[in-house]
Protein backbone atom coordinates (compact mmCIF):
# COMPACT_ATOMS: atom_id res chain seq x y z
CA UNK A 1 -18.08 -3.57 -2.25
CA UNK A 2 -14.29 -3.42 -2.17
CA UNK A 3 -12.49 -6.72 -2.75
CA UNK A 4 -8.81 -6.76 -1.87
CA UNK A 5 -6.65 -9.46 -3.39
CA UNK A 6 -3.70 -9.04 -1.07
CA UNK A 7 -3.42 -12.62 0.12
CA UNK A 8 -4.61 -14.02 3.44
CA UNK A 9 -4.99 -11.16 5.90
CA UNK A 10 -4.01 -13.21 8.95
CA UNK A 11 -0.25 -12.97 9.15
CA UNK A 12 2.30 -15.50 10.29
CA UNK A 13 5.16 -14.39 12.51
CA UNK A 14 5.81 -10.82 11.32
CA UNK A 15 3.55 -7.99 10.26
CA UNK A 16 4.69 -7.55 6.65
CA UNK A 17 1.55 -5.82 5.35
CA UNK A 18 3.55 -2.75 4.36
CA UNK A 19 5.11 -4.98 1.66
CA UNK A 20 1.77 -6.17 0.25
CA UNK A 21 0.72 -4.85 -3.14
CA UNK A 22 -3.02 -4.09 -2.95
CA UNK A 23 -5.13 -5.41 -5.82
CA UNK A 24 -8.65 -4.01 -5.81
CA UNK A 25 -11.75 -5.12 -7.74
CA UNK A 26 -14.77 -2.83 -7.45
CA UNK A 27 -17.98 -2.78 -9.52
CA UNK A 28 -17.36 0.85 -10.48
CA UNK A 29 -13.98 -0.13 -11.97
CA UNK A 30 -15.74 -1.87 -14.88
CA UNK A 31 -14.13 -0.81 -18.20
CA UNK A 32 -11.65 1.46 -16.47
CA UNK A 33 -8.02 1.79 -17.50
CA UNK A 34 -5.77 2.57 -14.54
CA UNK A 35 -2.07 2.99 -13.76
CA UNK A 36 -0.55 1.33 -10.70
CA UNK A 37 2.86 2.36 -9.38
CA UNK A 38 4.65 0.33 -6.69
CA UNK A 39 8.07 1.16 -5.31
CA UNK A 40 10.32 -0.21 -2.58
CA UNK A 41 13.48 1.44 -1.31
CA UNK A 42 15.35 -1.02 0.90
CA UNK A 43 18.40 -1.14 3.14
CA UNK A 44 19.05 -4.27 5.21
CA UNK A 45 22.40 -4.90 6.87
CA UNK A 46 23.10 -8.37 8.31
CA UNK A 47 26.03 -8.14 10.71
CA UNK A 48 26.47 -11.91 10.95
CA UNK A 49 29.75 -13.64 11.82
CA UNK A 50 28.68 -17.30 11.98
CA UNK A 51 29.45 -20.26 9.74
CA UNK A 52 25.85 -20.89 8.63
CA UNK A 53 24.78 -17.48 7.29
CA UNK A 54 27.42 -14.84 6.63
CA UNK A 55 26.88 -11.09 6.84
CA UNK A 56 25.70 -9.22 3.79
CA UNK A 57 23.97 -5.95 2.85
CA UNK A 58 20.96 -5.30 0.62
CA UNK A 59 20.71 -1.71 -0.57
CA UNK A 60 18.67 -0.60 -3.56
CA UNK A 61 15.36 0.25 -5.21
CA UNK A 62 12.54 -1.63 -6.91
CA UNK A 63 9.97 -0.02 -9.19
CA UNK A 64 6.97 -1.67 -10.84
CA UNK A 65 4.54 0.18 -13.12
CA UNK A 66 1.44 -1.54 -14.48
CA UNK A 67 -1.39 -0.65 -16.83
CA UNK A 68 -4.56 -2.16 -15.39
CA UNK A 69 -7.74 -2.87 -17.37
CA UNK A 70 -11.05 -4.14 -15.97
CA UNK A 71 -13.01 -5.94 -18.74
CA UNK A 72 -15.71 -6.76 -16.16
CA UNK A 73 -16.25 -6.30 -12.42
CA UNK A 74 -14.74 -9.77 -11.81
CA UNK A 75 -11.67 -9.49 -14.02
CA UNK A 76 -8.46 -7.49 -13.69
CA UNK A 77 -5.76 -7.58 -16.38
CA UNK A 78 -2.29 -6.11 -15.74
CA UNK A 79 0.74 -5.48 -17.93
CA UNK A 80 3.85 -3.57 -17.00
CA UNK A 81 7.56 -3.59 -16.28
CA UNK A 82 9.64 -4.30 -13.18
CA UNK A 83 13.02 -2.64 -12.47
CA UNK A 84 15.51 -3.58 -9.76
CA UNK A 85 18.59 -1.46 -9.05
CA UNK A 86 21.21 -2.39 -6.47
CA UNK A 87 23.17 0.59 -5.20
CA UNK A 88 26.90 0.44 -5.79
CA UNK A 89 26.64 -0.75 -9.38
CA UNK A 90 25.85 1.16 -12.56
CA UNK A 91 23.59 -1.42 -14.19
CA UNK A 92 20.07 -2.52 -13.40
CA UNK A 93 20.03 -6.01 -11.90
CA UNK A 94 16.61 -6.86 -13.35
CA UNK A 95 14.39 -5.50 -16.11
CA UNK A 96 11.41 -7.83 -16.47
CA UNK A 97 7.92 -7.70 -18.02
CA UNK A 98 4.86 -8.10 -15.83
CA UNK A 99 1.64 -9.85 -16.89
CA UNK A 100 -1.20 -10.91 -14.58
CA UNK A 101 -4.80 -12.02 -15.12
CA UNK A 102 -7.01 -12.04 -12.03
CA UNK A 103 -10.49 -13.50 -11.62
CA UNK A 104 -12.59 -13.04 -8.47
CA UNK A 105 -15.84 -14.80 -7.64
CA UNK A 106 -17.04 -14.56 -4.06
CA UNK A 107 -14.30 -15.97 -1.79
CA UNK A 108 -12.43 -17.51 -4.76
CA UNK A 109 -9.49 -15.79 -6.44
CA UNK A 110 -7.41 -17.04 -9.35
CA UNK A 111 -4.19 -15.38 -10.51
CA UNK A 112 -2.24 -16.35 -13.62
CA UNK A 113 1.11 -14.85 -14.60
CA UNK A 114 2.94 -12.81 -11.98
CA UNK A 115 1.39 -14.04 -8.74
CA UNK A 116 1.33 -12.47 -5.29
CA UNK A 117 4.39 -14.02 -3.72
CA UNK A 118 7.08 -13.60 -1.10
CA UNK A 119 5.72 -12.28 2.20
CA UNK A 120 2.16 -12.18 0.85
CA UNK A 121 1.98 -15.98 1.10
CA UNK A 122 2.15 -15.62 4.89
CA UNK A 123 4.80 -18.26 5.64
CA UNK A 124 7.01 -18.39 8.70
CA UNK A 125 10.66 -17.53 8.03
CA UNK A 126 12.10 -21.05 8.45
CA UNK A 127 10.00 -22.06 5.42
CA UNK A 128 10.13 -18.85 3.38
CA UNK A 129 12.85 -16.24 3.75
CA UNK A 130 11.78 -12.60 4.09
CA UNK A 131 14.89 -11.63 2.11
CA UNK A 132 13.35 -13.12 -1.03
CA UNK A 133 11.74 -9.68 -1.28
CA UNK A 134 15.19 -8.58 -2.54
CA UNK A 135 16.70 -11.80 -3.92
CA UNK A 136 13.66 -13.23 -5.76
CA UNK A 137 11.10 -10.41 -5.92
CA UNK A 138 8.93 -11.88 -8.70
CA UNK A 139 7.06 -15.18 -8.82
CA UNK A 140 5.53 -16.43 -12.06
CA UNK A 141 2.97 -19.18 -12.39
CA UNK A 142 -0.52 -19.68 -10.98
CA UNK A 143 -2.20 -19.05 -7.64
CA UNK A 144 -5.53 -19.85 -5.99
CA UNK A 145 -6.74 -17.97 -2.94
CA UNK A 146 -9.78 -18.71 -0.81
CA UNK A 147 -10.79 -16.21 1.86
CA UNK A 148 -13.68 -16.38 4.32
CA UNK A 149 -14.05 -15.32 7.92
CA UNK A 150 -13.08 -18.78 9.16
CA UNK A 151 -10.62 -20.04 6.55
CA UNK A 152 -7.86 -18.44 4.52
CA UNK A 153 -5.90 -20.42 1.93
CA UNK A 154 -3.18 -19.66 -0.60
CA UNK A 155 -2.09 -22.39 -3.05
CA UNK A 156 0.53 -21.50 -5.64
CA UNK A 157 3.07 -22.66 -8.22
CA UNK A 158 6.15 -20.62 -9.13
CA UNK A 159 7.97 -21.73 -12.31
CA UNK A 160 11.42 -20.47 -11.36
CA UNK A 161 13.59 -21.62 -14.26
CA UNK A 162 12.57 -22.90 -17.69
CA UNK A 163 14.87 -25.23 -19.61
CA UNK A 164 14.88 -26.08 -23.30
CA UNK A 165 16.37 -28.90 -25.35
CA UNK A 166 20.13 -29.16 -24.73
CA UNK A 167 20.08 -26.62 -21.90
CA UNK A 168 23.20 -26.72 -19.72
CA UNK A 169 21.14 -26.24 -16.56
CA UNK A 170 18.23 -27.91 -14.77
CA UNK A 171 14.68 -26.63 -14.59
CA UNK A 172 13.37 -25.40 -11.22
CA UNK A 173 9.80 -25.28 -9.99
CA UNK A 174 8.43 -24.49 -6.54
CA UNK A 175 5.00 -24.44 -5.00
CA UNK A 176 3.12 -24.67 -1.79
CA UNK A 177 0.08 -24.04 0.33
CA UNK A 178 -0.41 -21.71 3.28
CA UNK A 179 -3.70 -22.01 5.13
CA UNK A 180 -5.17 -21.02 8.47
CA UNK A 181 -8.46 -21.92 10.12
CA UNK A 182 -9.88 -19.56 12.75
CA UNK A 183 -11.31 -21.68 15.57
CA UNK A 184 -12.11 -18.79 17.94
CA UNK A 185 -12.72 -15.09 17.47
CA UNK A 186 -14.82 -13.30 20.07
CA UNK A 187 -15.89 -9.83 21.15
CA UNK A 188 -13.32 -9.80 23.98
CA UNK A 189 -10.48 -9.62 21.46
CA UNK A 190 -9.35 -13.26 21.54
CA UNK A 191 -8.40 -14.99 18.33
CA UNK A 192 -7.12 -18.55 17.96
CA UNK A 193 -5.95 -19.91 14.62
CA UNK A 194 -4.60 -23.26 13.42
CA UNK A 195 -2.11 -22.77 10.57
CA UNK A 196 -0.83 -25.34 8.10
CA UNK A 197 2.01 -24.55 5.71
CA UNK A 198 3.69 -26.58 2.99
CA UNK A 199 6.39 -25.83 0.41
CA UNK A 200 7.99 -28.01 -2.21
CA UNK A 201 10.82 -27.50 -4.65
CA UNK A 202 11.90 -29.67 -7.57
CA UNK A 203 15.11 -29.32 -9.57
CA UNK A 204 15.49 -31.59 -12.59
CA UNK A 205 14.17 -31.98 -16.13
CA UNK A 206 14.85 -34.49 -18.91
CA UNK A 207 16.05 -32.38 -21.85
CA UNK A 208 19.22 -30.81 -20.43
CA UNK A 209 22.85 -31.84 -20.89
CA UNK A 210 23.75 -31.63 -17.19
CA UNK A 211 24.77 -34.82 -15.40
CA UNK A 212 23.05 -33.91 -12.15
CA UNK A 213 20.47 -35.91 -10.17
CA UNK A 214 16.90 -34.82 -9.67
CA UNK A 215 16.25 -33.04 -6.37
CA UNK A 216 12.90 -32.82 -4.58
CA UNK A 217 12.50 -31.16 -1.18
CA UNK A 218 9.40 -30.78 0.98
CA UNK A 219 8.84 -28.64 4.08
CA UNK A 220 5.84 -28.60 6.41
CA UNK A 221 4.81 -26.55 9.43
CA UNK A 222 1.78 -26.49 11.67
CA UNK A 223 0.88 -25.29 15.14
CA UNK A 224 -1.29 -22.73 16.88
CA UNK A 225 -1.59 -18.92 16.91
CA UNK A 226 -3.20 -17.04 19.80
CA UNK A 227 -3.75 -13.29 19.84
CA UNK A 228 -5.48 -10.99 22.35
CA UNK A 229 -6.35 -7.38 21.63
CA UNK A 230 -5.88 -5.04 24.57
CA UNK A 231 -8.01 -2.05 25.53
CA UNK A 232 -5.00 0.15 26.19
CA UNK A 233 -3.60 3.16 24.37
CA UNK A 234 -0.02 1.98 24.90
CA UNK A 235 -0.36 -1.83 24.67
CA UNK A 236 -2.49 -2.85 21.71
CA UNK A 237 -2.15 -6.65 21.56
CA UNK A 238 -0.23 -9.66 22.86
CA UNK A 239 0.24 -12.94 21.00
CA UNK A 240 1.89 -16.35 20.97
CA UNK A 241 2.68 -18.57 17.99
CA UNK A 242 4.10 -22.08 18.09
CA UNK A 243 5.04 -24.23 15.09
CA UNK A 244 6.52 -27.67 14.52
CA UNK A 245 8.38 -27.88 11.21
CA UNK A 246 9.65 -30.76 9.12
CA UNK A 247 12.08 -31.20 6.22
CA UNK A 248 11.97 -34.23 3.90
CA UNK A 249 14.33 -34.97 1.01
CA UNK A 250 12.47 -37.09 -1.57
CA UNK A 251 15.33 -37.10 -4.08
CA UNK A 252 16.34 -40.48 -5.52
CA UNK A 253 20.01 -39.49 -5.25
CA UNK A 254 20.62 -37.35 -2.19
CA UNK A 255 23.12 -34.47 -2.28
CA UNK A 256 22.50 -33.04 1.19
CA UNK A 257 23.92 -34.15 4.52
CA UNK A 258 20.42 -34.91 5.90
CA UNK A 259 17.41 -36.60 4.31
CA UNK A 260 15.01 -35.39 6.97
CA UNK A 261 14.97 -32.86 9.78
CA UNK A 262 12.75 -31.08 12.28
CA UNK A 263 12.38 -27.75 13.98
CA UNK A 264 10.51 -26.02 16.79
CA UNK A 265 9.64 -22.36 16.22
CA UNK A 266 8.10 -20.27 19.01
CA UNK A 267 7.18 -16.58 18.98
CA UNK A 268 5.79 -14.34 21.71
CA UNK A 269 5.19 -10.65 21.22
CA UNK A 270 3.45 -7.46 22.19
CA UNK A 271 2.27 -4.66 19.89
CA UNK A 272 2.66 -1.24 21.48
CA UNK A 273 2.12 2.32 20.36
CA UNK A 274 5.88 2.89 20.30
CA UNK A 275 7.05 -0.36 18.70
CA UNK A 276 6.17 -4.00 18.15
CA UNK A 277 8.37 -6.35 20.18
CA UNK A 278 8.82 -10.05 19.56
CA UNK A 279 10.98 -12.79 21.02
CA UNK A 280 11.49 -15.83 18.82
CA UNK A 281 13.03 -19.20 19.69
CA UNK A 282 14.26 -21.71 17.10
CA UNK A 283 15.51 -25.24 17.74
CA UNK A 284 16.44 -27.19 14.62
CA UNK A 285 17.69 -30.72 14.08
CA UNK A 286 19.02 -31.40 10.58
CA UNK A 287 16.61 -28.83 9.16
CA UNK A 288 16.85 -27.47 5.63
CA UNK A 289 14.49 -25.41 3.48
CA UNK A 290 15.61 -24.34 -0.02
CA UNK A 291 13.43 -21.20 0.16
CA UNK A 292 13.60 -20.65 3.92
CA UNK A 293 15.71 -18.30 5.99
CA UNK A 294 19.37 -19.26 5.92
CA UNK A 295 19.80 -18.74 9.68
CA UNK A 296 17.49 -21.67 10.42
CA UNK A 297 19.31 -24.21 8.25
CA UNK A 298 21.73 -26.83 9.48
CA UNK A 299 23.74 -26.56 6.24
CA UNK A 300 26.04 -23.61 5.55
CA UNK A 301 25.44 -21.14 2.70
CA UNK A 302 28.63 -19.15 3.34
CA UNK A 303 31.50 -18.44 0.96
CA UNK A 304 34.19 -19.13 3.57
CA UNK A 305 32.70 -22.35 5.02
CA UNK A 306 30.58 -23.94 2.25
CA UNK A 307 30.85 -27.48 3.63
CA UNK A 308 30.07 -26.65 7.24
CA UNK A 309 27.32 -28.68 8.94
CA UNK A 310 25.59 -27.89 12.21
CA UNK A 311 22.90 -30.49 12.86
CA UNK A 312 21.57 -28.83 16.01
CA UNK A 313 20.72 -25.14 15.77
CA UNK A 314 19.32 -23.14 18.69
CA UNK A 315 18.61 -19.42 18.39
CA UNK A 316 16.98 -16.61 20.34
CA UNK A 317 15.92 -13.63 18.20
CA UNK A 318 14.63 -10.32 19.53
CA UNK A 319 12.73 -8.22 17.01
CA UNK A 320 11.86 -4.54 17.33
CA UNK A 321 9.61 -3.42 14.49
CA UNK A 322 7.81 -0.21 13.67
CA UNK A 323 5.77 0.99 10.67
CA UNK A 324 5.23 4.72 10.15
CA UNK A 325 2.29 5.66 7.94
CA UNK A 326 3.71 8.77 6.26
CA UNK A 327 0.74 9.06 3.89
CA UNK A 328 -2.16 6.91 2.71
CA UNK A 329 0.10 5.18 0.20
CA UNK A 330 3.52 5.57 1.84
CA UNK A 331 4.89 3.46 4.72
CA UNK A 332 8.32 3.69 6.37
CA UNK A 333 9.38 0.52 8.20
CA UNK A 334 12.24 0.15 10.68
CA UNK A 335 13.55 -3.15 12.06
CA UNK A 336 16.28 -4.11 14.50
CA UNK A 337 16.87 -7.83 15.14
CA UNK A 338 19.66 -8.98 17.47
CA UNK A 339 20.04 -12.74 17.87
CA UNK A 340 21.86 -15.04 20.25
CA UNK A 341 23.20 -18.39 19.03
CA UNK A 342 22.85 -20.66 22.08
CA UNK A 343 24.94 -23.46 20.58
CA UNK A 344 27.92 -21.28 19.67
CA UNK A 345 27.37 -18.67 22.40
CA UNK A 346 27.65 -15.78 19.92
CA UNK A 347 25.68 -12.63 19.18
CA UNK A 348 24.77 -11.31 15.72
CA UNK A 349 22.31 -8.65 14.63
CA UNK A 350 20.65 -6.98 11.66
CA UNK A 351 18.95 -3.65 11.11
CA UNK A 352 16.82 -2.43 8.23
CA UNK A 353 14.97 0.53 6.78
CA UNK A 354 12.24 0.20 4.11
CA UNK A 355 10.03 2.66 2.26
CA UNK A 356 7.00 1.21 0.48
CA UNK A 357 4.86 3.20 -1.97
CA UNK A 358 1.68 1.93 -3.67
CA UNK A 359 -0.70 4.10 -5.67
CA UNK A 360 -3.29 3.50 -8.40
CA UNK A 361 -4.43 6.28 -10.76
CA UNK A 362 -7.49 6.39 -13.02
CA UNK A 363 -6.52 7.14 -16.62
CA UNK A 364 -9.82 6.76 -18.49
CA UNK A 365 -13.03 4.77 -18.74
CA UNK A 366 -13.50 2.88 -22.02
CA UNK A 367 -16.83 2.51 -23.76
CA UNK A 368 -18.41 -0.86 -24.29
CA UNK A 369 -19.25 -1.85 -27.85
CA UNK A 370 -22.99 -1.64 -28.50
């Protein structure tokens, strides 16, 4: 039986499965030594001219190679190296080691080391920015996944920055939980799910030399997801997703303009043979998420207007997405996302092109000691 450790298969908001790194455990893999190669070539251009999130371009390549050993049918051990190269500069931006230990028992999965992060958690963008695929591609810590037909859960901790005695910076740790319960799934193609999502981030520590207050931020989201498969060659499925989100600042000394905020996030879409179309609506009131998409915040992240505040944010976003399966292990993704800012009556847009490659090769099968 093939067991895929690719995170919860039900997706929130966007179909990002092309960006998942498959992790397989099969009984016949016992004692095998394999090589896994994962690559991403990315080009995303944000043509934004607002005071909350300025325009920027991501253009580069990621490459991860891992040696994989299976000491038993339930264990997978990985060690490798990750490279990140931004185009337009001579140096590599990141060269980092990779270590992961994975244990699978029935519906339970435990990952230690480099966990399955970013889009594989399955968060909505107001809570977890898709662009972390480029800006924070690796997450290190621990992760527990539970997957059955009716319930999918991903609980994780990402230790983002380690401090030592007399460090001149604060430590940073993040974590969260993304879960969804399927309450209806029938032979007519209907599926109804109830998602719950939570993220938290803490910035602090007690052994640094920085005179900065501790910061603790929580974000929550919950709602309903409805999807209907269609018996049509052109129109494959329609869906609706609605979420209520919340931001809470639990810091003792507050640095932000708001200590709490809310948001309403609605998505309606249709999957067709030609393209997947989605219309998203966002209405935020004092909302902030340290790991969420910058567009949804009420606090500016721009260079030109760093102190700008916009308590009420209201956006309409049209998304046109298409994945092209070029080969079994090669996917080309195109995305075009114009947006209309209802509050400022302005139009921005972004477009992107991605090429994802994932392949695992058998090197040898080791002998057990007698």
